[in-house]
Protein backbone atom coordinates (compact mmCIF):
# COMPACT_ATOMS: atom_id res chain seq x y z
CA MET A 1 -26.24 -36.61 11.74
CA ASP A 2 -26.29 -38.82 8.54
CA ALA A 3 -23.78 -39.63 6.30
CA LEU A 4 -23.99 -37.27 4.29
CA GLU A 5 -24.40 -34.18 6.01
CA ILE A 6 -20.88 -35.28 7.26
CA ILE A 7 -19.38 -35.69 4.04
CA ARG A 8 -21.49 -32.38 2.63
CA LEU A 9 -19.61 -30.46 5.40
CA ILE A 10 -16.81 -31.83 4.80
CA LEU A 11 -17.18 -30.72 0.95
CA LEU A 12 -18.05 -27.64 1.98
CA ALA A 13 -14.86 -26.65 4.01
CA ALA A 14 -13.14 -27.77 1.78
CA HIS A 15 -14.71 -24.94 -1.17
CA ILE A 16 -14.56 -22.62 1.07
CA LEU A 17 -10.61 -23.60 1.72
CA GLY A 18 -10.52 -23.47 -2.93
CA LEU A 19 -11.89 -19.98 -2.76
CA ALA A 20 -9.98 -18.50 0.09
CA VAL A 21 -6.83 -19.83 -2.21
CA ILE A 22 -8.21 -18.04 -4.80
CA VAL A 23 -9.16 -14.63 -3.89
CA GLY A 24 -5.97 -14.40 -1.44
CA VAL A 25 -3.50 -15.16 -4.25
CA PHE A 26 -5.41 -12.48 -6.52
CA LEU A 27 -5.91 -9.77 -3.42
CA VAL A 28 -1.76 -10.39 -2.67
CA GLN A 29 -0.22 -10.21 -6.16
CA MET A 30 -3.02 -7.99 -8.17
CA ARG A 31 -0.69 -4.81 -8.01
CA ALA A 32 2.05 -7.43 -9.16
CA LYS A 33 4.06 -7.15 -11.92
CA GLU A 34 5.86 -11.04 -11.81
CA GLY A 35 5.87 -14.00 -10.23
CA PHE A 36 2.00 -14.77 -10.03
CA ARG A 37 0.91 -17.73 -8.31
CA THR A 38 -0.19 -19.22 -11.22
CA GLY A 39 -0.32 -22.89 -9.57
CA LEU A 40 -2.06 -21.93 -6.11
CA LEU A 41 -5.23 -20.14 -8.29
CA LEU A 42 -5.02 -23.39 -10.85
CA GLY A 43 -5.08 -25.73 -7.57
CA GLY A 44 -7.50 -23.34 -5.86
CA ALA A 45 -9.82 -23.15 -9.44
CA ILE A 46 -10.10 -26.93 -9.58
CA ALA A 47 -10.96 -27.48 -5.96
CA GLN A 48 -14.26 -24.93 -6.46
CA LEU A 49 -15.18 -26.54 -9.38
CA VAL A 50 -15.00 -30.46 -8.35
CA THR A 51 -16.57 -29.20 -4.54
CA GLY A 52 -18.98 -27.43 -6.45
CA LEU A 53 -20.45 -30.30 -8.16
CA ALA A 54 -19.98 -32.80 -5.24
CA LEU A 55 -22.05 -30.53 -3.20
CA VAL A 56 -24.27 -30.69 -5.70
CA GLY A 57 -24.13 -34.17 -5.81
CA VAL A 58 -24.48 -34.58 -2.48
CA ARG A 59 -27.40 -32.18 -1.72
CA GLU A 60 -29.41 -34.09 -4.86
CA ALA A 61 -28.58 -37.45 -2.81
CA SER A 62 -29.81 -35.51 0.54
CA ASP A 63 -33.62 -34.52 -1.30
CA LEU A 64 -32.39 -30.88 -0.71
CA GLY A 65 -32.68 -29.78 -4.11
CA VAL A 66 -30.89 -26.90 -5.99
CA ASP A 67 -32.02 -24.00 -8.08
CA ASN A 68 -30.77 -25.06 -11.43
CA ILE A 69 -30.24 -21.91 -12.74
CA LYS A 70 -28.46 -20.75 -10.29
CA ILE A 71 -25.43 -24.03 -10.22
CA ALA A 72 -25.85 -22.96 -13.66
CA VAL A 73 -24.61 -19.35 -13.45
CA LYS A 74 -21.66 -20.70 -10.73
CA LEU A 75 -20.86 -23.45 -13.43
CA GLY A 76 -19.90 -21.13 -15.99
CA ILE A 77 -18.13 -18.98 -14.33
CA ALA A 78 -16.40 -21.58 -12.28
CA LEU A 79 -15.38 -22.94 -15.53
CA VAL A 80 -13.76 -19.88 -16.68
CA VAL A 81 -12.18 -18.52 -14.29
CA LEU A 82 -10.24 -22.22 -14.59
CA ILE A 83 -10.12 -21.59 -18.17
CA ALA A 84 -8.70 -18.97 -16.87
CA ALA A 85 -6.49 -20.31 -14.23
CA ILE A 86 -5.00 -22.77 -17.12
CA VAL A 87 -4.02 -19.76 -19.85
CA ALA A 88 -2.65 -17.43 -16.91
CA GLN A 89 0.24 -20.66 -15.66
CA VAL A 90 0.70 -21.80 -19.90
CA GLN A 91 1.57 -17.94 -20.29
CA GLN A 92 4.35 -17.34 -17.14
CA ARG A 93 5.78 -21.09 -18.46
CA ARG A 94 5.72 -19.49 -21.77
CA GLY A 95 7.11 -15.65 -20.49
CA GLY A 96 3.89 -13.74 -22.28
CA LYS A 97 1.30 -11.84 -20.40
CA VAL A 98 0.11 -13.37 -16.80
CA LYS A 99 -1.53 -10.71 -16.18
CA PRO A 100 -5.19 -10.28 -17.86
CA ALA A 101 -5.68 -14.02 -17.04
CA PHE A 102 -4.45 -13.90 -13.43
CA HIS A 103 -6.72 -11.03 -13.09
CA THR A 104 -9.88 -12.37 -14.62
CA ALA A 105 -9.06 -15.61 -13.06
CA GLY A 106 -9.32 -13.94 -9.15
CA GLY A 107 -12.58 -11.30 -10.65
CA LEU A 108 -13.97 -13.50 -11.59
CA ALA A 109 -14.13 -15.50 -8.51
CA VAL A 110 -15.11 -13.28 -6.66
CA VAL A 111 -18.49 -12.85 -8.43
CA ASN A 112 -19.09 -15.80 -8.47
CA VAL A 113 -19.05 -15.16 -4.64
CA LEU A 114 -21.43 -13.03 -3.88
CA VAL A 115 -23.76 -14.55 -6.71
CA ALA A 116 -23.41 -17.29 -4.04
CA VAL A 117 -24.36 -14.61 -1.59
CA LEU A 118 -26.54 -12.65 -2.92
CA TRP A 119 -28.86 -14.72 -5.03
CA GLN A 120 -31.40 -15.78 -2.62
């Protein structure tokens, strides 16, 4: 196993953990009316975006190639998840409505998983 493969596997593990944080927090708090864990949601969204981009870079560096259209769709969804997580955190700090942005981030993270798995 070469160094790039080890890096890819570490990034993949971090990517899955970021996903677990987003989806876990979303599912646990889906029916909540207050006390949303927006910090965890935002941390997971950042982890997903950074590790996802790094995974693409490692695949390209390893000459494995990627489906650029699929990656563009996943990146677009990940950016919306990140923006929604930021909005949720800002709204929470201001005492505003958190639920719409929180649910947008969590729901779209699930959509991104489905894109990753079902798009072959």
